[in-house]
C-alpha atoms as a PDB file:
ATOM      1  CA  MET A   1     -67.981 -83.052 -10.338  1.00  0.00           C
ATOM      2  CA  GLU A   2     -69.089 -80.109  -8.257  1.00  0.00           C
ATOM      3  CA  SER A   3     -66.425 -80.792  -5.704  1.00  0.00           C
ATOM      4  CA  GLN A   4     -63.865 -81.142  -8.438  1.00  0.00           C
ATOM      5  CA  ARG A   5     -64.921 -77.826  -9.887  1.00  0.00           C
ATOM      6  CA  GLY A   6     -64.759 -76.186  -6.472  1.00  0.00           C
ATOM      7  CA  ASN A   7     -61.251 -77.274  -5.647  1.00  0.00           C
ATOM      8  CA  PRO A   8     -59.543 -75.126  -8.247  1.00  0.00           C
ATOM      9  CA  VAL A   9     -61.581 -72.114  -7.155  1.00  0.00           C
ATOM     10  CA  TRP A  10     -60.634 -72.670  -3.520  1.00  0.00           C
ATOM     11  CA  PHE A  11     -56.996 -73.150  -4.416  1.00  0.00           C
ATOM     12  CA  LEU A  12     -56.956 -69.934  -6.448  1.00  0.00           C
ATOM     13  CA  ALA A  13     -58.398 -67.957  -3.593  1.00  0.00           C
ATOM     14  CA  LEU A  14     -55.771 -69.258  -1.212  1.00  0.00           C
ATOM     15  CA  THR A  15     -52.998 -68.490  -3.678  1.00  0.00           C
ATOM     16  CA  MET A  16     -54.179 -64.943  -4.265  1.00  0.00           C
ATOM     17  CA  GLY A  17     -54.468 -64.310  -0.564  1.00  0.00           C
ATOM     18  CA  PHE A  18     -50.954 -65.502  -0.013  1.00  0.00           C
ATOM     19  CA  VAL A  19     -49.587 -63.273  -2.801  1.00  0.00           C
ATOM     20  CA  PHE A  20     -51.404 -60.198  -1.538  1.00  0.00           C
ATOM     21  CA  GLY A  21     -50.166 -60.767   1.948  1.00  0.00           C
ATOM     22  CA  ALA A  22     -46.617 -61.173   0.769  1.00  0.00           C
ATOM     23  CA  ILE A  23     -46.801 -57.905  -1.145  1.00  0.00           C
ATOM     24  CA  ALA A  24     -48.126 -56.036   1.872  1.00  0.00           C
ATOM     25  CA  CYS A  25     -45.492 -57.464   4.167  1.00  0.00           C
ATOM     26  CA  GLY A  26     -42.691 -56.969   1.660  1.00  0.00           C
ATOM     27  CA  GLY A  27     -43.605 -53.332   1.070  1.00  0.00           C
ATOM     28  CA  GLY A  28     -43.235 -52.553   4.761  1.00  0.00           C
ATOM     29  CA  SER A  29     -39.899 -54.291   5.224  1.00  0.00           C
ATOM     30  CA  ASN A  30     -38.256 -52.501   2.250  1.00  0.00           C
ATOM     31  CA  LYS A  31     -39.263 -48.927   3.178  1.00  0.00           C
ATOM     32  CA  SER A  32     -36.544 -46.374   2.292  1.00  0.00           C
ATOM     33  CA  PRO A  33     -35.042 -44.282   5.082  1.00  0.00           C
ATOM     34  CA  THR A  34     -35.777 -40.532   5.131  1.00  0.00           C
ATOM     35  CA  ALA A  35     -33.374 -38.629   2.843  1.00  0.00           C
ATOM     36  CA  ARG A  36     -31.070 -35.933   4.162  1.00  0.00           C
ATOM     37  CA  LEU A  37     -31.544 -32.269   3.336  1.00  0.00           C
ATOM     38  CA  ASP A  38     -29.147 -30.878   0.767  1.00  0.00           C
ATOM     39  CA  ALA A  39     -26.061 -29.140   2.153  1.00  0.00           C
ATOM     40  CA  PRO A  40     -26.160 -25.325   1.932  1.00  0.00           C
ATOM     41  CA  THR A  41     -24.244 -23.815  -0.998  1.00  0.00           C
ATOM     42  CA  GLY A  42     -22.663 -20.417  -1.599  1.00  0.00           C
ATOM     43  CA  LEU A  43     -21.469 -19.877   1.976  1.00  0.00           C
ATOM     44  CA  SER A  44     -19.534 -16.604   2.297  1.00  0.00           C
ATOM     45  CA  ALA A  45     -18.163 -14.436   5.107  1.00  0.00           C
ATOM     46  CA  THR A  46     -17.963 -10.688   4.441  1.00  0.00           C
ATOM     47  CA  THR A  47     -16.281  -8.075   6.622  1.00  0.00           C
ATOM     48  CA  THR A  48     -18.802  -5.416   7.666  1.00  0.00           C
ATOM     49  CA  GLY A  49     -16.859  -3.520  10.313  1.00  0.00           C
ATOM     50  CA  ALA A  50     -14.587  -3.733  13.326  1.00  0.00           C
ATOM     51  CA  GLY A  51     -14.933  -7.231  14.780  1.00  0.00           C
ATOM     52  CA  GLU A  52     -17.861  -8.003  12.491  1.00  0.00           C
ATOM     53  CA  LEU A  53     -18.659 -10.477   9.729  1.00  0.00           C
ATOM     54  CA  ARG A  54     -21.815 -11.252   7.774  1.00  0.00           C
ATOM     55  CA  LEU A  55     -22.450 -14.900   6.893  1.00  0.00           C
ATOM     56  CA  ASP A  56     -24.626 -15.613   3.875  1.00  0.00           C
ATOM     57  CA  TRP A  57     -25.620 -18.743   1.945  1.00  0.00           C
ATOM     58  CA  ASN A  58     -28.294 -20.086  -0.382  1.00  0.00           C
ATOM     59  CA  VAL A  59     -31.489 -21.387   1.214  1.00  0.00           C
ATOM     60  CA  VAL A  60     -32.186 -25.133   1.100  1.00  0.00           C
ATOM     61  CA  ALA A  61     -35.603 -26.531   0.196  1.00  0.00           C
ATOM     62  CA  GLY A  62     -37.237 -28.081   3.271  1.00  0.00           C
ATOM     63  CA  ALA A  63     -34.929 -26.426   5.814  1.00  0.00           C
ATOM     64  CA  THR A  64     -36.529 -24.648   8.769  1.00  0.00           C
ATOM     65  CA  SER A  65     -33.243 -23.268  10.144  1.00  0.00           C
ATOM     66  CA  TYR A  66     -29.475 -23.617   9.844  1.00  0.00           C
ATOM     67  CA  ASP A  67     -26.518 -24.320  12.118  1.00  0.00           C
ATOM     68  CA  LEU A  68     -23.130 -22.673  11.698  1.00  0.00           C
ATOM     69  CA  TYR A  69     -19.852 -24.137  12.952  1.00  0.00           C
ATOM     70  CA  MET A  70     -16.987 -21.685  13.528  1.00  0.00           C
ATOM     71  CA  SER A  71     -13.262 -22.148  14.166  1.00  0.00           C
ATOM     72  CA  THR A  72     -10.021 -20.191  13.923  1.00  0.00           C
ATOM     73  CA  SER A  73      -8.372 -23.198  12.269  1.00  0.00           C
ATOM     74  CA  PRO A  74      -9.043 -24.392   8.709  1.00  0.00           C
ATOM     75  CA  GLY A  75     -10.824 -27.677   8.097  1.00  0.00           C
ATOM     76  CA  VAL A  76     -13.632 -26.894  10.536  1.00  0.00           C
ATOM     77  CA  THR A  77     -16.136 -29.719  11.145  1.00  0.00           C
ATOM     78  CA  LYS A  78     -19.180 -30.245  13.367  1.00  0.00           C
ATOM     79  CA  ALA A  79     -16.861 -31.918  15.861  1.00  0.00           C
ATOM     80  CA  THR A  80     -14.210 -29.171  15.952  1.00  0.00           C
ATOM     81  CA  GLY A  81     -16.253 -26.020  15.389  1.00  0.00           C
ATOM     82  CA  SER A  82     -18.189 -23.858  17.846  1.00  0.00           C
ATOM     83  CA  LEU A  83     -21.922 -24.250  17.220  1.00  0.00           C
ATOM     84  CA  ILE A  84     -24.095 -21.261  16.318  1.00  0.00           C
ATOM     85  CA  ALA A  85     -27.540 -22.853  16.220  1.00  0.00           C
ATOM     86  CA  GLY A  86     -30.876 -21.964  14.659  1.00  0.00           C
ATOM     87  CA  VAL A  87     -29.834 -19.116  12.382  1.00  0.00           C
ATOM     88  CA  PHE A  88     -30.937 -17.843   8.973  1.00  0.00           C
ATOM     89  CA  PRO A  89     -29.155 -16.085   6.101  1.00  0.00           C
ATOM     90  CA  PRO A  90     -27.812 -13.466   6.198  1.00  0.00           C
ATOM     91  CA  HIS A  91     -26.493 -13.852   9.728  1.00  0.00           C
ATOM     92  CA  PRO A  92     -24.368 -11.124  11.400  1.00  0.00           C
ATOM     93  CA  LEU A  93     -21.558 -11.925  13.821  1.00  0.00           C
ATOM     94  CA  SER A  94     -19.945  -9.394  16.152  1.00  0.00           C
ATOM     95  CA  GLY A  95     -17.397  -9.350  18.963  1.00  0.00           C
ATOM     96  CA  LEU A  96     -14.773 -11.067  16.803  1.00  0.00           C
ATOM     97  CA  ALA A  97     -11.042 -10.303  16.904  1.00  0.00           C
ATOM     98  CA  ASN A  98      -9.865  -7.953  14.160  1.00  0.00           C
ATOM     99  CA  GLY A  99      -7.228  -9.502  11.917  1.00  0.00           C
ATOM    100  CA  THR A 100      -8.075 -13.066  12.964  1.00  0.00           C
ATOM    101  CA  THR A 101      -9.158 -15.499  10.249  1.00  0.00           C
ATOM    102  CA  TYR A 102     -12.374 -17.350  11.054  1.00  0.00           C
ATOM    103  CA  TYR A 103     -13.511 -20.501   9.229  1.00  0.00           C
ATOM    104  CA  PHE A 104     -17.129 -21.598   8.848  1.00  0.00           C
ATOM    105  CA  VAL A 105     -19.330 -24.402   7.563  1.00  0.00           C
ATOM    106  CA  ALA A 106     -23.141 -24.472   7.556  1.00  0.00           C
ATOM    107  CA  THR A 107     -25.722 -27.264   7.777  1.00  0.00           C
ATOM    108  CA  ALA A 108     -29.462 -27.291   7.021  1.00  0.00           C
ATOM    109  CA  ILE A 109     -31.969 -28.330   9.714  1.00  0.00           C
ATOM    110  CA  ASP A 110     -35.585 -29.529   9.420  1.00  0.00           C
ATOM    111  CA  THR A 111     -37.162 -29.363  12.884  1.00  0.00           C
ATOM    112  CA  ALA A 112     -40.697 -29.814  11.544  1.00  0.00           C
ATOM    113  CA  GLY A 113     -40.388 -32.896   9.349  1.00  0.00           C
ATOM    114  CA  GLY A 114     -37.713 -34.793  11.180  1.00  0.00           C
ATOM    115  CA  THR A 115     -35.411 -34.995   8.166  1.00  0.00           C
ATOM    116  CA  PRO A 116     -31.794 -35.593   9.268  1.00  0.00           C
ATOM    117  CA  GLU A 117     -29.396 -32.635   9.422  1.00  0.00           C
ATOM    118  CA  SER A 118     -27.611 -32.075   6.116  1.00  0.00           C
ATOM    119  CA  LEU A 119     -23.964 -32.645   5.495  1.00  0.00           C
ATOM    120  CA  ALA A 120     -21.734 -29.603   5.980  1.00  0.00           C
ATOM    121  CA  SER A 121     -21.315 -26.962   3.298  1.00  0.00           C
ATOM    122  CA  THR A 122     -18.045 -26.046   1.668  1.00  0.00           C
ATOM    123  CA  GLU A 123     -15.852 -24.071   4.069  1.00  0.00           C
ATOM    124  CA  ALA A 124     -15.750 -20.273   3.931  1.00  0.00           C
ATOM    125  CA  LEU A 125     -13.415 -17.870   5.700  1.00  0.00           C
ATOM    126  CA  GLY A 126     -13.560 -14.241   6.766  1.00  0.00           C
ATOM    127  CA  VAL A 127     -11.301 -11.737   8.520  1.00  0.00           C
ATOM    128  CA  PRO A 128     -13.011  -8.967  10.513  1.00  0.00           C
ATOM    129  CA  ASP A 129     -11.219  -5.669  10.280  1.00  0.00           C
ATOM    130  CA  THR A 130     -11.447  -1.979  11.027  1.00  0.00           C
ATOM    131  CA  LEU A 131     -12.684  -0.603   7.726  1.00  0.00           C
ATOM    132  CA  GLY A 132     -11.466   2.776   6.520  1.00  0.00           C
ATOM    133  CA  ILE A 133      -8.589   3.065   9.011  1.00  0.00           C
ATOM    134  CA  LEU A 134      -4.950   2.924   7.900  1.00  0.00           C
ATOM    135  CA  HIS A 135      -2.993  -0.186   8.834  1.00  0.00           C
ATOM    136  CA  THR A 136      -0.068   1.356  10.652  1.00  0.00           C
ATOM    137  CA  THR A 137       2.020  -1.783  10.140  1.00  0.00           C
ATOM    138  CA  PHE A 138       2.062  -1.081   6.379  1.00  0.00           C
ATOM    139  CA  GLY A 139       4.849   1.175   5.104  1.00  0.00           C
ATOM    140  CA  SER A 140       5.145   4.214   7.349  1.00  0.00           C
ATOM    141  CA  GLY A 141       1.986   4.761   9.326  1.00  0.00           C
ATOM    142  CA  GLY A 142      -0.072   2.925   6.712  1.00  0.00           C
ATOM    143  CA  VAL A 143       1.365   4.713   3.664  1.00  0.00           C
ATOM    144  CA  ALA A 144       4.155   3.828   1.210  1.00  0.00           C
ATOM    145  CA  VAL A 145       5.700   6.722  -0.730  1.00  0.00           C
ATOM    146  CA  HIS A 146       8.337   6.854  -3.454  1.00  0.00           C
ATOM    147  CA  ASP A 147       9.908   9.866  -5.155  1.00  0.00           C
ATOM    148  CA  ASN A 148      12.194  10.463  -8.126  1.00  0.00           C
ATOM    149  CA  ALA A 149      11.911   7.015  -9.743  1.00  0.00           C
ATOM    150  CA  ALA A 150      13.069   8.358 -13.112  1.00  0.00           C
ATOM    151  CA  GLY A 151      15.705  10.721 -11.681  1.00  0.00           C
ATOM    152  CA  GLY A 152      14.184  14.008 -12.823  1.00  0.00           C
ATOM    153  CA  GLY A 153      13.028  15.237  -9.448  1.00  0.00           C
ATOM    154  CA  GLY A 154       9.517  15.935 -10.742  1.00  0.00           C
ATOM    155  CA  LEU A 155       6.262  14.018 -10.838  1.00  0.00           C
ATOM    156  CA  ASP A 156       5.862  10.397  -9.733  1.00  0.00           C
ATOM    157  CA  ILE A 157       2.315   9.177 -10.383  1.00  0.00           C
ATOM    158  CA  GLY A 158       0.869   5.718  -9.719  1.00  0.00           C
ATOM    159  CA  VAL A 159      -2.314   4.974 -11.661  1.00  0.00           C
ATOM    160  CA  ASP A 160      -3.010   1.225 -11.366  1.00  0.00           C
ATOM    161  CA  ILE A 161      -2.265  -1.572  -8.923  1.00  0.00           C
ATOM    162  CA  ALA A 162      -2.149  -5.390  -8.889  1.00  0.00           C
ATOM    163  CA  LEU A 163      -1.158  -8.207  -6.537  1.00  0.00           C
ATOM    164  CA  ASP A 164       1.023 -11.126  -7.568  1.00  0.00           C
ATOM    165  CA  SER A 165       0.619 -14.698  -6.335  1.00  0.00           C
ATOM    166  CA  SER A 166       2.978 -13.991  -3.404  1.00  0.00           C
ATOM    167  CA  GLY A 167       0.956 -11.017  -2.191  1.00  0.00           C
ATOM    168  CA  ARG A 168       3.473  -8.449  -3.429  1.00  0.00           C
ATOM    169  CA  ILE A 169       2.070  -5.140  -4.624  1.00  0.00           C
ATOM    170  CA  LEU A 170       2.694  -3.876  -8.151  1.00  0.00           C
ATOM    171  CA  VAL A 171       2.029  -0.259  -9.095  1.00  0.00           C
ATOM    172  CA  VAL A 172       2.343   1.218 -12.565  1.00  0.00           C
ATOM    173  CA  GLY A 173       2.472   4.863 -13.529  1.00  0.00           C
ATOM    174  CA  THR A 174       4.704   7.648 -14.788  1.00  0.00           C
ATOM    175  CA  ALA A 175       7.715   9.580 -13.481  1.00  0.00           C
ATOM    176  CA  ASP A 176       9.609  12.677 -14.624  1.00  0.00           C
ATOM    177  CA  ASN A 177      13.146  12.069 -15.927  1.00  0.00           C
ATOM    178  CA  GLY A 178      13.947  15.798 -16.185  1.00  0.00           C
ATOM    179  CA  ILE A 179      13.139  15.983 -19.913  1.00  0.00           C
ATOM    180  CA  ASP A 180       9.949  13.996 -20.360  1.00  0.00           C
ATOM    181  CA  LEU A 181       7.895  11.316 -18.577  1.00  0.00           C
ATOM    182  CA  ASP A 182       8.830   7.626 -18.339  1.00  0.00           C
ATOM    183  CA  MET A 183       6.740   4.536 -17.665  1.00  0.00           C
ATOM    184  CA  VAL A 184       7.476   3.120 -14.193  1.00  0.00           C
ATOM    185  CA  ILE A 185       6.617  -0.134 -12.384  1.00  0.00           C
ATOM    186  CA  TRP A 186       7.128  -0.262  -8.628  1.00  0.00           C
ATOM    187  CA  ARG A 187       6.939  -3.442  -6.555  1.00  0.00           C
ATOM    188  CA  TYR A 188       6.378  -3.492  -2.802  1.00  0.00           C
ATOM    189  CA  THR A 189       6.285  -6.254  -0.227  1.00  0.00           C
ATOM    190  CA  SER A 190       2.992  -6.925   1.552  1.00  0.00           C
ATOM    191  CA  ALA A 191       4.430  -4.907   4.451  1.00  0.00           C
ATOM    192  CA  GLY A 192       4.813  -1.808   2.258  1.00  0.00           C
ATOM    193  CA  ALA A 193       8.585  -1.836   1.686  1.00  0.00           C
ATOM    194  CA  LEU A 194      10.192  -1.626  -1.767  1.00  0.00           C
ATOM    195  CA  ASP A 195      10.980  -5.151  -2.945  1.00  0.00           C
ATOM    196  CA  THR A 196      14.661  -4.933  -3.857  1.00  0.00           C
ATOM    197  CA  THR A 197      14.520  -8.334  -5.577  1.00  0.00           C
ATOM    198  CA  PHE A 198      12.621  -6.514  -8.344  1.00  0.00           C
ATOM    199  CA  ASN A 199      15.203  -5.084 -10.752  1.00  0.00           C
ATOM    200  CA  GLY A 200      17.663  -4.753  -7.850  1.00  0.00           C
ATOM    201  CA  GLN A 201      15.945  -1.680  -6.398  1.00  0.00           C
ATOM    202  CA  GLY A 202      12.177  -2.138  -6.283  1.00  0.00           C
ATOM    203  CA  TRP A 203      11.202  -0.311  -9.476  1.00  0.00           C
ATOM    204  CA  VAL A 204      11.935  -0.293 -13.205  1.00  0.00           C
ATOM    205  CA  VAL A 205      11.725   2.557 -15.735  1.00  0.00           C
ATOM    206  CA  HIS A 206      11.230   2.531 -19.505  1.00  0.00           C
ATOM    207  CA  ASP A 207      11.520   5.451 -21.907  1.00  0.00           C
ATOM    208  CA  ASN A 208      10.980   6.037 -25.621  1.00  0.00           C
ATOM    209  CA  ALA A 209       8.884   2.959 -26.360  1.00  0.00           C
ATOM    210  CA  ALA A 210       7.297   4.543 -29.437  1.00  0.00           C
ATOM    211  CA  GLY A 211      10.523   6.127 -30.727  1.00  0.00           C
ATOM    212  CA  GLY A 212       9.474   9.738 -30.459  1.00  0.00           C
ATOM    213  CA  VAL A 213      11.664  10.603 -27.437  1.00  0.00           C
ATOM    214  CA  GLY A 214       8.561  12.004 -25.711  1.00  0.00           C
ATOM    215  CA  ASN A 215       6.403  10.852 -22.845  1.00  0.00           C
ATOM    216  CA  ASP A 216       5.672   7.242 -21.904  1.00  0.00           C
ATOM    217  CA  TYR A 217       2.644   6.491 -19.771  1.00  0.00           C
ATOM    218  CA  GLY A 218       1.882   3.267 -17.878  1.00  0.00           C
ATOM    219  CA  ARG A 219      -1.887   3.151 -17.395  1.00  0.00           C
ATOM    220  CA  ALA A 220      -2.850  -0.446 -16.472  1.00  0.00           C
ATOM    221  CA  ILE A 221      -1.057  -3.480 -15.051  1.00  0.00           C
ATOM    222  CA  ALA A 222      -1.814  -7.213 -14.883  1.00  0.00           C
ATOM    223  CA  LEU A 223      -0.045 -10.548 -14.484  1.00  0.00           C
ATOM    224  CA  ASP A 224      -0.282 -13.539 -16.800  1.00  0.00           C
ATOM    225  CA  PHE A 225      -0.495 -17.191 -15.710  1.00  0.00           C
ATOM    226  CA  SER A 226       3.308 -17.423 -15.652  1.00  0.00           C
ATOM    227  CA  GLY A 227       3.691 -14.429 -13.326  1.00  0.00           C
ATOM    228  CA  ARG A 228       4.990 -12.132 -16.065  1.00  0.00           C
ATOM    229  CA  ILE A 229       3.984  -8.500 -15.771  1.00  0.00           C
ATOM    230  CA  LEU A 230       1.973  -6.804 -18.500  1.00  0.00           C
ATOM    231  CA  VAL A 231       1.566  -3.039 -18.745  1.00  0.00           C
ATOM    232  CA  ALA A 232      -0.693  -1.163 -21.141  1.00  0.00           C
ATOM    233  CA  GLY A 233      -0.157   2.495 -21.885  1.00  0.00           C
ATOM    234  CA  ASN A 234       1.048   5.049 -24.410  1.00  0.00           C
ATOM    235  CA  GLY A 235       4.297   6.244 -25.912  1.00  0.00           C
ATOM    236  CA  ASP A 236       4.878   9.483 -27.786  1.00  0.00           C
ATOM    237  CA  GLY A 237       5.665   8.742 -31.428  1.00  0.00           C
ATOM    238  CA  ASP A 238       5.964  12.398 -32.517  1.00  0.00           C
ATOM    239  CA  PRO A 239       7.058  14.763 -29.739  1.00  0.00           C
ATOM    240  CA  THR A 240       7.446  17.725 -32.091  1.00  0.00           C
ATOM    241  CA  ALA A 241       3.747  17.653 -32.929  1.00  0.00           C
ATOM    242  CA  GLY A 242       2.717  16.597 -29.433  1.00  0.00           C
ATOM    243  CA  THR A 243      -0.454  14.950 -30.699  1.00  0.00           C
ATOM    244  CA  ASP A 244       0.651  11.412 -31.596  1.00  0.00           C
ATOM    245  CA  LEU A 245       0.535   8.961 -28.688  1.00  0.00           C
ATOM    246  CA  ASP A 246       0.834   5.327 -29.732  1.00  0.00           C
ATOM    247  CA  MET A 247      -0.572   2.306 -27.881  1.00  0.00           C
ATOM    248  CA  VAL A 248       2.155   0.337 -26.081  1.00  0.00           C
ATOM    249  CA  ILE A 249       2.186  -3.025 -24.288  1.00  0.00           C
ATOM    250  CA  TRP A 250       5.249  -3.845 -22.197  1.00  0.00           C
ATOM    251  CA  ARG A 251       6.000  -7.299 -20.782  1.00  0.00           C
ATOM    252  CA  TYR A 252       8.427  -7.866 -17.903  1.00  0.00           C
ATOM    253  CA  SER A 253       9.678 -10.948 -16.126  1.00  0.00           C
ATOM    254  CA  SER A 254       8.742 -11.363 -12.479  1.00  0.00           C
ATOM    255  CA  GLY A 255      12.271 -10.164 -11.676  1.00  0.00           C
ATOM    256  CA  GLY A 256      11.734  -6.797 -13.370  1.00  0.00           C
ATOM    257  CA  THR A 257      13.578  -7.216 -16.678  1.00  0.00           C
ATOM    258  CA  LEU A 258      12.051  -6.749 -20.117  1.00  0.00           C
ATOM    259  CA  ASP A 259      10.894 -10.094 -21.529  1.00  0.00           C
ATOM    260  CA  THR A 260      12.628 -10.137 -24.905  1.00  0.00           C
ATOM    261  CA  THR A 261      10.605 -13.164 -26.021  1.00  0.00           C
ATOM    262  CA  PHE A 262       7.731 -10.682 -26.383  1.00  0.00           C
ATOM    263  CA  ASP A 263       8.002  -9.168 -29.880  1.00  0.00           C
ATOM    264  CA  GLY A 264      11.780  -9.594 -29.723  1.00  0.00           C
ATOM    265  CA  ARG A 265      12.405  -6.712 -27.331  1.00  0.00           C
ATOM    266  CA  GLY A 266       9.826  -6.703 -24.526  1.00  0.00           C
ATOM    267  CA  TRP A 267       7.241  -4.270 -25.857  1.00  0.00           C
ATOM    268  CA  VAL A 268       5.006  -3.728 -28.853  1.00  0.00           C
ATOM    269  CA  VAL A 269       3.684  -0.473 -30.330  1.00  0.00           C
ATOM    270  CA  HIS A 270       0.680   0.259 -32.518  1.00  0.00           C
ATOM    271  CA  ASP A 271      -0.301   3.536 -34.165  1.00  0.00           C
ATOM    272  CA  ASN A 272      -3.329   4.814 -36.057  1.00  0.00           C
ATOM    273  CA  ALA A 273      -5.730   1.977 -35.195  1.00  0.00           C
ATOM    274  CA  ALA A 274      -8.781   4.116 -35.947  1.00  0.00           C
ATOM    275  CA  GLY A 275      -7.280   5.858 -38.971  1.00  0.00           C
ATOM    276  CA  GLY A 276      -7.188   9.377 -37.615  1.00  0.00           C
ATOM    277  CA  GLY A 277      -3.442   9.633 -37.199  1.00  0.00           C
ATOM    278  CA  GLY A 278      -3.656  10.940 -33.614  1.00  0.00           C
ATOM    279  CA  TYR A 279      -3.814   9.305 -30.221  1.00  0.00           C
ATOM    280  CA  ASP A 280      -3.929   5.532 -29.731  1.00  0.00           C
END
């Protein structure tokens, strides 16, 4: 009876030992590999002067340094880019070619813990340039000038600027027609020449939006998602009094013609929004 009682105890001990051993062995064979560091985010390249860029990005938890990969072709990778190793944000670069586009990605490194290098960040680009110096290839010696848009031989004033999706330059302002001032939109190519595909000459003029035969002022310009041109400004609704400017919004097609689907004529006027009967 004693031996019969002992057998189950002995069997249980053997079974438990086997189970514990299996757990210990199994735990070692299923060990997870070390995780990668997160890829850096927010990579940017900012022009800081002639031949200079500043690279910046968000720090990564666990990283002890960072590697940058640089190329003059888009789609830079670790294999195709020139390595700039062991840097930290922000990182200045100098000796670059002005006007050349440089492309960058960044990776995070952990030299202390042995964690594998991160995947590459999203690509960023930068173009070093000579800040504050006129680009002589633009217009004439870096300047584009236009006179007498409204035919009056007087003032031509540009007050706001915008770029369209093709890089063309839009300027809005006012020009003298010999009697009063008209709203004007000019459009230039990226090289600084009047874009003659815009209204056949490179500019468009509008007068008497508010019906008072007085001044019309273009004060701000923007483009909508369809490339149509929106101008905000004022039109004189009462030139005899000289104190009643009304708010005006004009809308033009990308070709420089009034968009008559906008309020049936291409512009809308509003007066006396605040109730004082004067300027809007």
